[in-house]
PDB file of N, CA and C in Angstrom:
ATOM      1  N   MET A   1     122.225 108.131  92.845  1.00  0.00           N
ATOM      2  CA  MET A   1     121.386 109.199  93.345  1.00  0.00           C
ATOM      3  C   MET A   1     121.738 109.434  94.810  1.00  0.00           C
ATOM      4  N   SER A   2     121.899 110.692  95.177  1.00  0.00           N
ATOM      5  CA  SER A   2     122.282 111.035  96.544  1.00  0.00           C
ATOM      6  C   SER A   2     121.111 110.822  97.506  1.00  0.00           C
ATOM      7  N   ASP A   3     121.437 110.742  98.777  1.00  0.00           N
ATOM      8  CA  ASP A   3     120.399 110.579  99.801  1.00  0.00           C
ATOM      9  C   ASP A   3     119.443 111.768  99.811  1.00  0.00           C
ATOM     10  N   ALA A   4     119.970 112.957  99.567  1.00  0.00           N
ATOM     11  CA  ALA A   4     119.127 114.149  99.551  1.00  0.00           C
ATOM     12  C   ALA A   4     118.116 114.092  98.400  1.00  0.00           C
ATOM     13  N   VAL A   5     118.557 113.648  97.236  1.00  0.00           N
ATOM     14  CA  VAL A   5     117.647 113.516  96.088  1.00  0.00           C
ATOM     15  C   VAL A   5     116.620 112.432  96.374  1.00  0.00           C
ATOM     16  N   LYS A   6     117.048 111.319  96.959  1.00  0.00           N
ATOM     17  CA  LYS A   6     116.117 110.233  97.295  1.00  0.00           C
ATOM     18  C   LYS A   6     115.043 110.725  98.253  1.00  0.00           C
ATOM     19  N   ALA A   7     115.440 111.470  99.261  1.00  0.00           N
ATOM     20  CA  ALA A   7     114.481 111.981 100.237  1.00  0.00           C
ATOM     21  C   ALA A   7     113.498 112.951  99.578  1.00  0.00           C
ATOM     22  N   PHE A   8     114.012 113.831  98.743  1.00  0.00           N
ATOM     23  CA  PHE A   8     113.160 114.788  98.042  1.00  0.00           C
ATOM     24  C   PHE A   8     112.169 114.046  97.144  1.00  0.00           C
ATOM     25  N   MET A   9     112.667 113.074  96.393  1.00  0.00           N
ATOM     26  CA  MET A   9     111.821 112.330  95.470  1.00  0.00           C
ATOM     27  C   MET A   9     110.779 111.494  96.197  1.00  0.00           C
ATOM     28  N   LYS A  10     111.101 111.017  97.371  1.00  0.00           N
ATOM     29  CA  LYS A  10     110.129 110.241  98.149  1.00  0.00           C
ATOM     30  C   LYS A  10     108.891 111.089  98.416  1.00  0.00           C
ATOM     31  N   GLY A  11     109.104 112.332  98.802  1.00  0.00           N
ATOM     32  CA  GLY A  11     107.978 113.234  99.036  1.00  0.00           C
ATOM     33  C   GLY A  11     107.205 113.548  97.771  1.00  0.00           C
ATOM     34  N   ILE A  12     107.916 113.773  96.688  1.00  0.00           N
ATOM     35  CA  ILE A  12     107.272 114.067  95.401  1.00  0.00           C
ATOM     36  C   ILE A  12     106.424 112.886  94.953  1.00  0.00           C
ATOM     37  N   LYS A  13     106.970 111.691  95.056  1.00  0.00           N
ATOM     38  CA  LYS A  13     106.238 110.488  94.622  1.00  0.00           C
ATOM     39  C   LYS A  13     105.030 110.218  95.507  1.00  0.00           C
ATOM     40  N   ALA A  14     105.137 110.512  96.792  1.00  0.00           N
ATOM     41  CA  ALA A  14     104.000 110.318  97.695  1.00  0.00           C
ATOM     42  C   ALA A  14     102.858 111.272  97.352  1.00  0.00           C
ATOM     43  N   LYS A  15     103.199 112.489  97.001  1.00  0.00           N
ATOM     44  CA  LYS A  15     102.174 113.490  96.676  1.00  0.00           C
ATOM     45  C   LYS A  15     101.606 113.322  95.277  1.00  0.00           C
ATOM     46  N   ASN A  16     102.364 112.670  94.394  1.00  0.00           N
ATOM     47  CA  ASN A  16     101.983 112.581  92.980  1.00  0.00           C
ATOM     48  C   ASN A  16     102.107 111.146  92.480  1.00  0.00           C
ATOM     49  N   ALA A  17     101.453 110.241  93.161  1.00  0.00           N
ATOM     50  CA  ALA A  17     101.524 108.821  92.796  1.00  0.00           C
ATOM     51  C   ALA A  17     101.029 108.601  91.370  1.00  0.00           C
ATOM     52  N   GLY A  18     101.717 107.734  90.657  1.00  0.00           N
ATOM     53  CA  GLY A  18     101.296 107.379  89.309  1.00  0.00           C
ATOM     54  C   GLY A  18     101.732 108.342  88.217  1.00  0.00           C
ATOM     55  N   GLU A  19     102.468 109.366  88.566  1.00  0.00           N
ATOM     56  CA  GLU A  19     102.924 110.370  87.588  1.00  0.00           C
ATOM     57  C   GLU A  19     104.395 110.110  87.231  1.00  0.00           C
ATOM     58  N   THR A  20     104.679 108.978  86.609  1.00  0.00           N
ATOM     59  CA  THR A  20     106.060 108.558  86.398  1.00  0.00           C
ATOM     60  C   THR A  20     106.864 109.530  85.526  1.00  0.00           C
ATOM     61  N   GLU A  21     106.260 110.096  84.510  1.00  0.00           N
ATOM     62  CA  GLU A  21     106.986 111.059  83.668  1.00  0.00           C
ATOM     63  C   GLU A  21     107.328 112.310  84.467  1.00  0.00           C
ATOM     64  N   PHE A  22     106.402 112.741  85.298  1.00  0.00           N
ATOM     65  CA  PHE A  22     106.637 113.886  86.167  1.00  0.00           C
ATOM     66  C   PHE A  22     107.768 113.581  87.144  1.00  0.00           C
ATOM     67  N   HIS A  23     107.756 112.394  87.733  1.00  0.00           N
ATOM     68  CA  HIS A  23     108.816 111.988  88.662  1.00  0.00           C
ATOM     69  C   HIS A  23     110.178 112.040  87.978  1.00  0.00           C
ATOM     70  N   GLN A  24     110.245 111.531  86.766  1.00  0.00           N
ATOM     71  CA  GLN A  24     111.507 111.520  86.033  1.00  0.00           C
ATOM     72  C   GLN A  24     111.992 112.947  85.763  1.00  0.00           C
ATOM     73  N   ALA A  25     111.099 113.812  85.348  1.00  0.00           N
ATOM     74  CA  ALA A  25     111.483 115.193  85.056  1.00  0.00           C
ATOM     75  C   ALA A  25     111.969 115.903  86.314  1.00  0.00           C
ATOM     76  N   VAL A  26     111.250 115.732  87.417  1.00  0.00           N
ATOM     77  CA  VAL A  26     111.650 116.357  88.673  1.00  0.00           C
ATOM     78  C   VAL A  26     113.010 115.842  89.110  1.00  0.00           C
ATOM     79  N   GLU A  27     113.212 114.539  89.012  1.00  0.00           N
ATOM     80  CA  GLU A  27     114.493 113.949  89.424  1.00  0.00           C
ATOM     81  C   GLU A  27     115.655 114.531  88.623  1.00  0.00           C
ATOM     82  N   GLU A  28     115.472 114.705  87.332  1.00  0.00           N
ATOM     83  CA  GLU A  28     116.531 115.269  86.496  1.00  0.00           C
ATOM     84  C   GLU A  28     116.868 116.700  86.908  1.00  0.00           C
ATOM     85  N   VAL A  29     115.848 117.486  87.168  1.00  0.00           N
ATOM     86  CA  VAL A  29     116.072 118.875  87.562  1.00  0.00           C
ATOM     87  C   VAL A  29     116.704 118.947  88.949  1.00  0.00           C
ATOM     88  N   VAL A  30     116.168 118.182  89.885  1.00  0.00           N
ATOM     89  CA  VAL A  30     116.684 118.213  91.255  1.00  0.00           C
ATOM     90  C   VAL A  30     118.137 117.747  91.299  1.00  0.00           C
ATOM     91  N   THR A  31     118.467 116.727  90.543  1.00  0.00           N
ATOM     92  CA  THR A  31     119.846 116.245  90.500  1.00  0.00           C
ATOM     93  C   THR A  31     120.786 117.328  89.998  1.00  0.00           C
ATOM     94  N   SER A  32     120.331 118.096  89.027  1.00  0.00           N
ATOM     95  CA  SER A  32     121.152 119.183  88.490  1.00  0.00           C
ATOM     96  C   SER A  32     121.296 120.342  89.466  1.00  0.00           C
ATOM     97  N   LEU A  33     120.227 120.648  90.189  1.00  0.00           N
ATOM     98  CA  LEU A  33     120.221 121.815  91.066  1.00  0.00           C
ATOM     99  C   LEU A  33     120.702 121.544  92.486  1.00  0.00           C
ATOM    100  N   LEU A  34     120.782 120.292  92.882  1.00  0.00           N
ATOM    101  CA  LEU A  34     121.107 119.964  94.262  1.00  0.00           C
ATOM    102  C   LEU A  34     122.397 120.598  94.770  1.00  0.00           C
ATOM    103  N   PRO A  35     123.493 120.575  94.033  1.00  0.00           N
ATOM    104  CA  PRO A  35     124.715 121.214  94.555  1.00  0.00           C
ATOM    105  C   PRO A  35     124.510 122.694  94.875  1.00  0.00           C
ATOM    106  N   TYR A  36     123.761 123.394  94.071  1.00  0.00           N
ATOM    107  CA  TYR A  36     123.478 124.804  94.325  1.00  0.00           C
ATOM    108  C   TYR A  36     122.567 124.959  95.535  1.00  0.00           C
ATOM    109  N   MET A  37     121.569 124.088  95.625  1.00  0.00           N
ATOM    110  CA  MET A  37     120.631 124.142  96.741  1.00  0.00           C
ATOM    111  C   MET A  37     121.318 123.893  98.073  1.00  0.00           C
ATOM    112  N   VAL A  38     122.305 123.043  98.089  1.00  0.00           N
ATOM    113  CA  VAL A  38     123.038 122.761  99.323  1.00  0.00           C
ATOM    114  C   VAL A  38     123.761 124.017  99.794  1.00  0.00           C
ATOM    115  N   LYS A  39     124.318 124.757  98.865  1.00  0.00           N
ATOM    116  CA  LYS A  39     125.037 125.989  99.209  1.00  0.00           C
ATOM    117  C   LYS A  39     124.093 127.138  99.551  1.00  0.00           C
ATOM    118  N   HIS A  40     122.910 127.132  98.974  1.00  0.00           N
ATOM    119  CA  HIS A  40     121.962 128.234  99.132  1.00  0.00           C
ATOM    120  C   HIS A  40     120.618 127.667  99.602  1.00  0.00           C
ATOM    121  N   SER A  41     120.521 127.368 100.870  1.00  0.00           N
ATOM    122  CA  SER A  41     119.364 126.656 101.412  1.00  0.00           C
ATOM    123  C   SER A  41     118.041 127.395 101.241  1.00  0.00           C
ATOM    124  N   ASN A  42     118.061 128.697 101.043  1.00  0.00           N
ATOM    125  CA  ASN A  42     116.815 129.441 100.878  1.00  0.00           C
ATOM    126  C   ASN A  42     116.057 129.037  99.609  1.00  0.00           C
ATOM    127  N   TYR A  43     116.687 128.354  98.676  1.00  0.00           N
ATOM    128  CA  TYR A  43     116.022 127.932  97.449  1.00  0.00           C
ATOM    129  C   TYR A  43     115.322 126.583  97.573  1.00  0.00           C
ATOM    130  N   ARG A  44     115.544 125.853  98.634  1.00  0.00           N
ATOM    131  CA  ARG A  44     114.922 124.536  98.796  1.00  0.00           C
ATOM    132  C   ARG A  44     113.403 124.631  98.799  1.00  0.00           C
ATOM    133  N   LYS A  45     112.864 125.577  99.551  1.00  0.00           N
ATOM    134  CA  LYS A  45     111.414 125.726  99.622  1.00  0.00           C
ATOM    135  C   LYS A  45     110.845 126.111  98.259  1.00  0.00           C
ATOM    136  N   VAL A  46     111.534 126.955  97.540  1.00  0.00           N
ATOM    137  CA  VAL A  46     111.079 127.368  96.215  1.00  0.00           C
ATOM    138  C   VAL A  46     110.981 126.157  95.293  1.00  0.00           C
ATOM    139  N   LEU A  47     112.002 125.323  95.296  1.00  0.00           N
ATOM    140  CA  LEU A  47     111.997 124.146  94.432  1.00  0.00           C
ATOM    141  C   LEU A  47     110.895 123.176  94.840  1.00  0.00           C
ATOM    142  N   ARG A  48     110.731 122.937  96.117  1.00  0.00           N
ATOM    143  CA  ARG A  48     109.689 122.025  96.584  1.00  0.00           C
ATOM    144  C   ARG A  48     108.311 122.547  96.178  1.00  0.00           C
ATOM    145  N   THR A  49     108.078 123.849  96.301  1.00  0.00           N
ATOM    146  CA  THR A  49     106.803 124.437  95.924  1.00  0.00           C
ATOM    147  C   THR A  49     106.569 124.309  94.420  1.00  0.00           C
ATOM    148  N   ALA A  50     107.579 124.567  93.645  1.00  0.00           N
ATOM    149  CA  ALA A  50     107.455 124.501  92.186  1.00  0.00           C
ATOM    150  C   ALA A  50     107.133 123.102  91.709  1.00  0.00           C
ATOM    151  N   PHE A  51     107.628 122.091  92.412  1.00  0.00           N
ATOM    152  CA  PHE A  51     107.423 120.709  91.988  1.00  0.00           C
ATOM    153  C   PHE A  51     106.460 119.962  92.882  1.00  0.00           C
ATOM    154  N   SER A  52     105.548 120.667  93.524  1.00  0.00           N
ATOM    155  CA  SER A  52     104.628 120.010  94.432  1.00  0.00           C
ATOM    156  C   SER A  52     103.518 119.272  93.702  1.00  0.00           C
ATOM    157  N   SER A  53     103.307 119.573  92.430  1.00  0.00           N
ATOM    158  CA  SER A  53     102.322 118.857  91.626  1.00  0.00           C
ATOM    159  C   SER A  53     102.686 118.972  90.156  1.00  0.00           C
ATOM    160  N   PRO A  54     102.167 118.078  89.310  1.00  0.00           N
ATOM    161  CA  PRO A  54     102.474 118.156  87.884  1.00  0.00           C
ATOM    162  C   PRO A  54     102.055 119.483  87.253  1.00  0.00           C
ATOM    163  N   LYS A  55     101.105 120.185  87.852  1.00  0.00           N
ATOM    164  CA  LYS A  55     100.665 121.467  87.333  1.00  0.00           C
ATOM    165  C   LYS A  55     101.599 122.581  87.744  1.00  0.00           C
ATOM    166  N   GLY A  56     102.449 122.317  88.728  1.00  0.00           N
ATOM    167  CA  GLY A  56     103.427 123.293  89.184  1.00  0.00           C
ATOM    168  C   GLY A  56     102.862 124.254  90.192  1.00  0.00           C
ATOM    169  N   GLY A  57     103.759 124.881  90.919  1.00  0.00           N
ATOM    170  CA  GLY A  57     103.342 125.839  91.923  1.00  0.00           C
ATOM    171  C   GLY A  57     103.624 127.262  91.513  1.00  0.00           C
ATOM    172  N   CYS A  58     104.179 127.440  90.359  1.00  0.00           N
ATOM    173  CA  CYS A  58     104.518 128.783  89.892  1.00  0.00           C
ATOM    174  C   CYS A  58     103.458 129.254  88.897  1.00  0.00           C
ATOM    175  N   PRO A  59     103.165 130.529  88.900  1.00  0.00           N
ATOM    176  CA  PRO A  59     102.147 131.058  87.969  1.00  0.00           C
ATOM    177  C   PRO A  59     102.585 130.968  86.531  1.00  0.00           C
TER     178      PRO A  59
END
């Protein structure tokens, strides 16, 4: 796991303690999207908002 994914997951786990299945799902998605996010930094906030809680940030 890259340092960027570790840092992202640290925040997710802090906000959503005890949600291990959610953590696993977020990690899988973030790992897949990270190369794109690095190239297109404007999507980082969108991803963080979408995964800010198990209920999601998107309507």
